[in-house]
Amino acid sequence: MTASSRPALVEGLKSLADGYDLILCDVWGVLHNGVKAYEAAGDALTRFRAKGGRVVLVSNAPRPGSAVATQLDGFQVPRSAYDAVVTSGDLTRLAIEERLDKVVNHIGPPRDMPIYDGLDVRFGSIEEADYVVCSGFDDDEHETVENYRARLEAMLRRDLLMVCANPDLIVERGHMILPCAGTIALAYEEMGGTVFYAGKPHAPVYEKALAVASGLSHRAIPKERVLAVGDAIRTDITGAVGFDIDSVLIARGIHAKELGLHKGDLVSDHVQDWVDRQPVAPTAIMDVLTWGA
């Protein structure tokens, strides 16, 4: 990648805002870290909307968008920061709705069960199931994939489809890095199993988010007027590149430790050097999501 084609280091969203009508913004790692909200991020999105832009939050949360909005209320992220929320949980519900005549086995913690709310679902063991929904680890602070190996082997023997409700491999919660459902799904895939990924970086969640925004705007929003914002190369930036839209990488997110960004350090050329080594590149790089001067 030449110096002229490298992603720009930008101070804030203000310098980019006029070029876009819609922002598809990641949630965890951009608006909050699982413990506290980033106030500047909510303010930046609110300012973008005040200029006439639309914001759809696109999250790999294995829960309905309405549940994520309620969680954001708890973090005091203002509703003025976004128009709608589209999640991998929403896409998972659609996959479940298409299989209401089938028996499902669930892998994941009780907090993710709202994904089935209002659906006439039949649950069963792996031996009884027609497919499996994986939303995460029962105990993500202590378990590893090895705790699920026997279940995955049983699924593989029956050639069961896994619907992965959260394609993320890891997530930041405060100062901890914890595994997500994507880790289990990847292990199953590597064993030879079949996985449907409901969220980023795959196209359906972007198509849904763009359709929602276009509906709210009462017009089709062209892709060249859409900007994705996220902190993960594997999901946010890969997904944006695959969907053919521009993107901003938030450096002080899931990759912060890898980039050596500690409190007080500045995003500089070494971040661009790191991006050069990645399989995909964002349009721009920002320290944290902020509006800027």
Protein backbone atom coordinates (compact mmCIF):
# COMPACT_ATOMS: atom_id res chain seq x y z
CA MET A 1 0.00 0.00 0.00
CA THR A 2 1.51 3.34 -1.05
CA ALA A 3 1.62 6.35 1.25
CA SER A 4 -0.95 8.17 -0.90
CA SER A 5 -3.39 5.26 -0.72
CA ARG A 6 -2.99 4.59 2.99
CA PRO A 7 -6.01 5.21 5.23
CA ALA A 8 -6.08 8.78 6.48
CA LEU A 9 -5.60 9.51 10.18
CA VAL A 10 -8.57 11.71 11.06
CA GLU A 11 -9.26 13.60 14.26
CA GLY A 12 -13.02 13.27 14.24
CA LEU A 13 -16.22 12.58 12.35
CA LYS A 14 -16.72 16.26 11.51
CA SER A 15 -14.11 16.12 8.75
CA LEU A 16 -15.93 13.22 7.05
CA ALA A 17 -19.58 13.99 7.74
CA ASP A 18 -20.42 15.95 4.58
CA GLY A 19 -19.49 12.98 2.41
CA TYR A 20 -22.11 10.62 3.84
CA ASP A 21 -25.86 10.31 4.41
CA LEU A 22 -25.74 7.18 6.55
CA ILE A 23 -23.44 5.77 9.21
CA LEU A 24 -23.57 2.07 10.07
CA CYS A 25 -21.95 2.10 13.50
CA ASP A 26 -20.65 -0.73 15.62
CA VAL A 27 -21.71 -0.72 19.27
CA TRP A 28 -19.39 -2.65 21.59
CA GLY A 29 -15.91 -1.13 21.40
CA VAL A 30 -17.15 2.09 19.81
CA LEU A 31 -20.09 3.33 21.94
CA HIS A 32 -19.15 1.42 25.10
CA ASN A 33 -16.72 -1.19 26.40
CA GLY A 34 -19.22 -3.38 28.21
CA VAL A 35 -18.78 -1.44 31.45
CA LYS A 36 -19.11 2.24 30.57
CA ALA A 37 -20.20 4.38 27.64
CA TYR A 38 -17.89 6.57 25.59
CA GLU A 39 -19.71 9.90 25.82
CA ALA A 40 -17.84 11.48 22.92
CA ALA A 41 -19.06 8.73 20.58
CA GLY A 42 -22.71 9.32 21.39
CA ASP A 43 -22.18 13.05 20.96
CA ALA A 44 -20.51 12.56 17.56
CA LEU A 45 -23.41 10.51 16.22
CA THR A 46 -25.94 12.97 17.64
CA ARG A 47 -24.18 15.79 15.81
CA PHE A 48 -24.15 13.80 12.57
CA ARG A 49 -27.89 13.24 12.85
CA ALA A 50 -28.44 16.93 13.63
CA LYS A 51 -26.90 17.67 10.22
CA GLY A 52 -29.51 15.46 8.57
CA GLY A 53 -27.65 12.15 8.52
CA ARG A 54 -29.02 8.77 9.51
CA VAL A 55 -27.36 6.39 11.97
CA VAL A 56 -28.12 2.68 12.21
CA LEU A 57 -26.26 0.76 14.88
CA VAL A 58 -25.11 -2.60 13.53
CA SER A 59 -24.14 -5.03 16.26
CA ASN A 60 -23.14 -8.67 16.49
CA ALA A 61 -25.09 -8.89 19.74
CA PRO A 62 -27.00 -12.20 19.84
CA ARG A 63 -30.14 -10.40 20.99
CA PRO A 64 -32.88 -8.40 19.25
CA GLY A 65 -32.12 -4.77 18.41
CA SER A 66 -34.72 -3.62 20.93
CA ALA A 67 -32.80 -5.38 23.72
CA VAL A 68 -29.57 -3.67 22.64
CA ALA A 69 -31.33 -0.29 22.69
CA THR A 70 -32.48 -0.98 26.25
CA GLN A 71 -28.91 -1.93 27.21
CA LEU A 72 -27.65 1.34 25.71
CA ASP A 73 -30.20 3.21 27.81
CA GLY A 74 -28.55 1.65 30.85
CA PHE A 75 -25.18 2.97 29.66
CA GLN A 76 -26.84 6.38 29.15
CA VAL A 77 -26.09 6.39 25.43
CA PRO A 78 -28.64 8.95 24.19
CA ARG A 79 -31.40 7.85 21.82
CA SER A 80 -30.53 10.99 19.85
CA ALA A 81 -27.37 9.18 18.71
CA TYR A 82 -29.15 6.72 16.43
CA ASP A 83 -32.24 6.04 14.35
CA ALA A 84 -32.38 2.25 14.61
CA VAL A 85 -30.52 -0.85 15.76
CA VAL A 86 -29.96 -3.95 13.61
CA THR A 87 -28.28 -6.95 15.21
CA SER A 88 -27.07 -10.41 14.36
CA GLY A 89 -29.77 -11.42 16.83
CA ASP A 90 -32.39 -9.97 14.49
CA LEU A 91 -30.97 -11.98 11.59
CA THR A 92 -30.87 -15.08 13.80
CA ARG A 93 -34.56 -14.63 14.60
CA LEU A 94 -35.30 -14.57 10.88
CA ALA A 95 -33.37 -17.83 10.48
CA ILE A 96 -35.36 -19.34 13.36
CA GLU A 97 -38.67 -18.14 11.89
CA GLU A 98 -37.81 -20.01 8.69
CA ARG A 99 -37.42 -23.21 10.73
CA LEU A 100 -40.37 -23.16 13.13
CA ASP A 101 -41.25 -26.70 12.06
CA LYS A 102 -37.81 -27.85 13.22
CA VAL A 103 -36.39 -28.71 16.65
CA VAL A 104 -33.61 -26.42 17.86
CA ASN A 105 -30.83 -26.94 20.38
CA HIS A 106 -29.41 -23.81 22.01
CA ILE A 107 -25.80 -23.18 23.01
CA GLY A 108 -25.40 -20.03 25.07
CA PRO A 109 -26.25 -18.24 28.32
CA PRO A 110 -29.79 -17.56 29.59
CA ARG A 111 -29.40 -13.81 28.93
CA ASP A 112 -29.60 -14.55 25.20
CA MET A 113 -32.94 -16.37 25.32
CA PRO A 114 -34.94 -13.24 24.30
CA ILE A 115 -33.85 -14.16 20.79
CA TYR A 116 -36.76 -16.64 20.84
CA ASP A 117 -39.37 -14.33 22.40
CA GLY A 118 -42.72 -14.58 20.66
CA LEU A 119 -41.66 -17.50 18.48
CA ASP A 120 -43.29 -20.93 18.70
CA VAL A 121 -40.03 -22.82 19.05
CA ARG A 122 -39.49 -26.45 19.99
CA PHE A 123 -36.29 -27.12 21.92
CA GLY A 124 -34.53 -30.46 22.12
CA SER A 125 -31.23 -32.17 22.86
CA ILE A 126 -28.53 -32.45 20.21
CA GLU A 127 -29.79 -35.97 19.52
CA GLU A 128 -33.30 -34.59 18.91
CA ALA A 129 -32.43 -31.31 17.19
CA ASP A 130 -32.62 -30.44 13.50
CA TYR A 131 -30.23 -27.50 13.92
CA VAL A 132 -28.36 -25.57 16.62
CA VAL A 133 -28.32 -21.87 17.51
CA CYS A 134 -25.08 -20.76 19.18
CA SER A 135 -25.18 -17.39 20.94
CA GLY A 136 -22.05 -17.74 23.06
CA PHE A 137 -20.41 -19.40 26.04
CA ASP A 138 -22.41 -20.27 29.14
CA ASP A 139 -19.52 -18.83 31.19
CA ASP A 140 -17.31 -16.70 28.96
CA GLU A 141 -14.97 -15.77 31.81
CA HIS A 142 -13.85 -19.34 32.48
CA GLU A 143 -14.80 -21.65 29.58
CA THR A 144 -12.93 -22.35 26.34
CA VAL A 145 -13.92 -24.13 23.14
CA GLU A 146 -12.65 -27.37 24.67
CA ASN A 147 -15.61 -27.30 27.05
CA TYR A 148 -17.84 -27.64 23.96
CA ARG A 149 -15.79 -30.11 21.95
CA ALA A 150 -17.95 -33.14 22.81
CA ARG A 151 -21.14 -31.27 21.85
CA LEU A 152 -19.61 -30.17 18.57
CA GLU A 153 -18.54 -33.73 17.79
CA ALA A 154 -22.10 -34.92 18.48
CA MET A 155 -23.44 -32.21 16.16
CA LEU A 156 -20.97 -33.17 13.45
CA ARG A 157 -21.99 -36.83 13.61
CA ARG A 158 -25.54 -35.73 12.80
CA ASP A 159 -24.42 -33.10 10.25
CA LEU A 160 -26.37 -30.37 12.07
CA LEU A 161 -26.39 -26.78 10.82
CA MET A 162 -25.15 -24.22 13.35
CA VAL A 163 -26.66 -20.74 13.24
CA CYS A 164 -24.06 -18.45 14.82
CA ALA A 165 -25.86 -15.55 16.49
CA ASN A 166 -22.64 -13.61 17.15
CA PRO A 167 -19.79 -14.05 14.64
CA ASP A 168 -17.34 -12.08 16.82
CA LEU A 169 -14.40 -14.15 18.05
CA ILE A 170 -13.66 -11.95 21.09
CA VAL A 171 -15.08 -8.95 22.88
CA GLU A 172 -13.71 -6.41 25.33
CA ARG A 173 -15.53 -6.18 28.67
CA GLY A 174 -13.86 -3.53 30.76
CA HIS A 175 -10.23 -4.64 30.81
CA MET A 176 -11.00 -8.29 29.97
CA ILE A 177 -10.93 -9.90 26.52
CA LEU A 178 -13.58 -12.63 26.39
CA PRO A 179 -14.51 -15.24 23.76
CA CYS A 180 -17.73 -15.01 21.74
CA ALA A 181 -19.95 -17.42 19.82
CA GLY A 182 -17.82 -16.98 16.72
CA THR A 183 -15.03 -18.89 18.45
CA ILE A 184 -17.28 -21.93 18.89
CA ALA A 185 -18.61 -21.58 15.34
CA LEU A 186 -15.11 -21.39 13.89
CA ALA A 187 -14.11 -24.55 15.76
CA TYR A 188 -17.18 -26.35 14.39
CA GLU A 189 -16.40 -25.15 10.88
CA GLU A 190 -12.78 -26.32 11.18
CA MET A 191 -14.09 -29.73 12.24
CA GLY A 192 -16.11 -29.88 9.01
CA GLY A 193 -19.44 -28.56 10.27
CA THR A 194 -21.75 -26.15 8.43
CA VAL A 195 -22.27 -22.67 9.91
CA PHE A 196 -24.61 -19.83 8.98
CA TYR A 197 -23.20 -16.56 10.33
CA ALA A 198 -26.00 -14.10 11.09
CA GLY A 199 -23.93 -10.91 11.50
CA LYS A 200 -20.86 -9.00 10.41
CA PRO A 201 -18.82 -9.41 8.25
CA HIS A 202 -21.48 -11.13 6.14
CA ALA A 203 -23.72 -9.18 3.75
CA PRO A 204 -27.26 -9.92 5.08
CA VAL A 205 -26.90 -7.73 8.18
CA TYR A 206 -25.63 -4.83 6.06
CA GLU A 207 -28.46 -5.29 3.56
CA LYS A 208 -30.96 -5.22 6.42
CA ALA A 209 -29.42 -2.08 7.96
CA LEU A 210 -29.36 -0.25 4.62
CA ALA A 211 -32.98 -1.22 3.96
CA VAL A 212 -34.03 0.08 7.39
CA ALA A 213 -32.23 3.40 6.84
CA SER A 214 -33.63 3.80 3.33
CA GLY A 215 -37.11 3.14 4.67
CA LEU A 216 -36.71 5.81 7.35
CA SER A 217 -35.41 8.25 4.73
CA HIS A 218 -38.16 7.37 2.22
CA ARG A 219 -35.52 6.99 -0.47
CA ALA A 220 -32.79 4.60 -1.50
CA ILE A 221 -29.44 5.55 0.03
CA PRO A 222 -26.60 4.78 -2.41
CA LYS A 223 -23.65 2.80 -1.07
CA GLU A 224 -21.21 5.59 -1.92
CA ARG A 225 -23.01 7.71 0.71
CA VAL A 226 -22.67 5.06 3.45
CA LEU A 227 -19.88 4.94 6.06
CA ALA A 228 -19.24 2.02 8.41
CA VAL A 229 -17.59 2.72 11.77
CA GLY A 230 -16.11 -0.07 13.87
CA ASP A 231 -13.13 -1.28 15.87
CA ALA A 232 -12.55 -4.77 14.45
CA ILE A 233 -10.71 -5.57 11.23
CA ARG A 234 -12.18 -9.08 10.98
CA THR A 235 -15.83 -8.04 11.22
CA ASP A 236 -16.37 -4.29 10.81
CA ILE A 237 -13.77 -3.47 8.18
CA THR A 238 -13.93 -6.79 6.33
CA GLY A 239 -17.71 -6.48 6.22
CA ALA A 240 -17.57 -2.92 4.91
CA VAL A 241 -15.08 -3.84 2.19
CA GLY A 242 -17.18 -6.84 1.18
CA PHE A 243 -20.32 -4.68 1.04
CA ASP A 244 -18.43 -2.05 -0.98
CA ILE A 245 -18.83 0.86 1.45
CA ASP A 246 -16.30 3.18 3.08
CA SER A 247 -15.20 2.57 6.65
CA VAL A 248 -13.46 4.08 9.67
CA LEU A 249 -11.40 1.91 12.00
CA ILE A 250 -11.56 2.97 15.66
CA ALA A 251 -8.02 2.18 16.78
CA ARG A 252 -8.53 2.36 20.54
CA GLY A 253 -10.92 -0.59 20.56
CA ILE A 254 -10.45 -4.34 20.34
CA HIS A 255 -7.03 -3.92 18.69
CA ALA A 256 -5.74 -1.30 21.18
CA LYS A 257 -3.46 -3.69 23.08
CA GLU A 258 -2.10 -5.19 19.86
CA LEU A 259 -1.38 -1.67 18.63
CA GLY A 260 0.31 -0.67 21.88
CA LEU A 261 -2.20 2.12 22.46
CA HIS A 262 -2.25 2.84 26.15
CA LYS A 263 -3.97 5.74 27.81
CA GLY A 264 -2.30 8.94 26.69
CA ASP A 265 -0.56 7.44 23.65
CA LEU A 266 -1.47 8.88 20.27
CA VAL A 267 -2.59 7.11 17.13
CA SER A 268 0.26 7.66 14.67
CA ASP A 269 2.01 6.22 11.64
CA HIS A 270 2.63 2.87 13.33
CA VAL A 271 -1.12 2.21 13.23
CA GLN A 272 -1.04 2.74 9.48
CA ASP A 273 1.92 0.34 9.32
CA TRP A 274 -0.16 -2.25 11.17
CA VAL A 275 -3.11 -1.73 8.83
CA ASP A 276 -0.76 -2.27 5.86
CA ARG A 277 -0.23 -5.82 7.14
CA GLN A 278 -3.95 -6.62 7.40
CA PRO A 279 -5.95 -8.39 4.66
CA VAL A 280 -8.30 -5.40 4.31
CA ALA A 281 -7.94 -1.68 4.97
CA PRO A 282 -10.38 0.99 6.16
CA THR A 283 -10.90 4.30 4.40
CA ALA A 284 -9.76 6.19 7.49
CA ILE A 285 -8.49 5.62 11.02
CA MET A 286 -9.68 7.43 14.14
CA ASP A 287 -8.39 7.15 17.71
CA VAL A 288 -11.85 7.02 19.28
CA LEU A 289 -15.18 8.04 17.79
CA THR A 290 -15.51 11.76 18.40
CA TRP A 291 -16.83 14.77 16.50
CA GLY A 292 -13.56 16.69 16.50
CA ALA A 293 -12.75 20.38 16.49
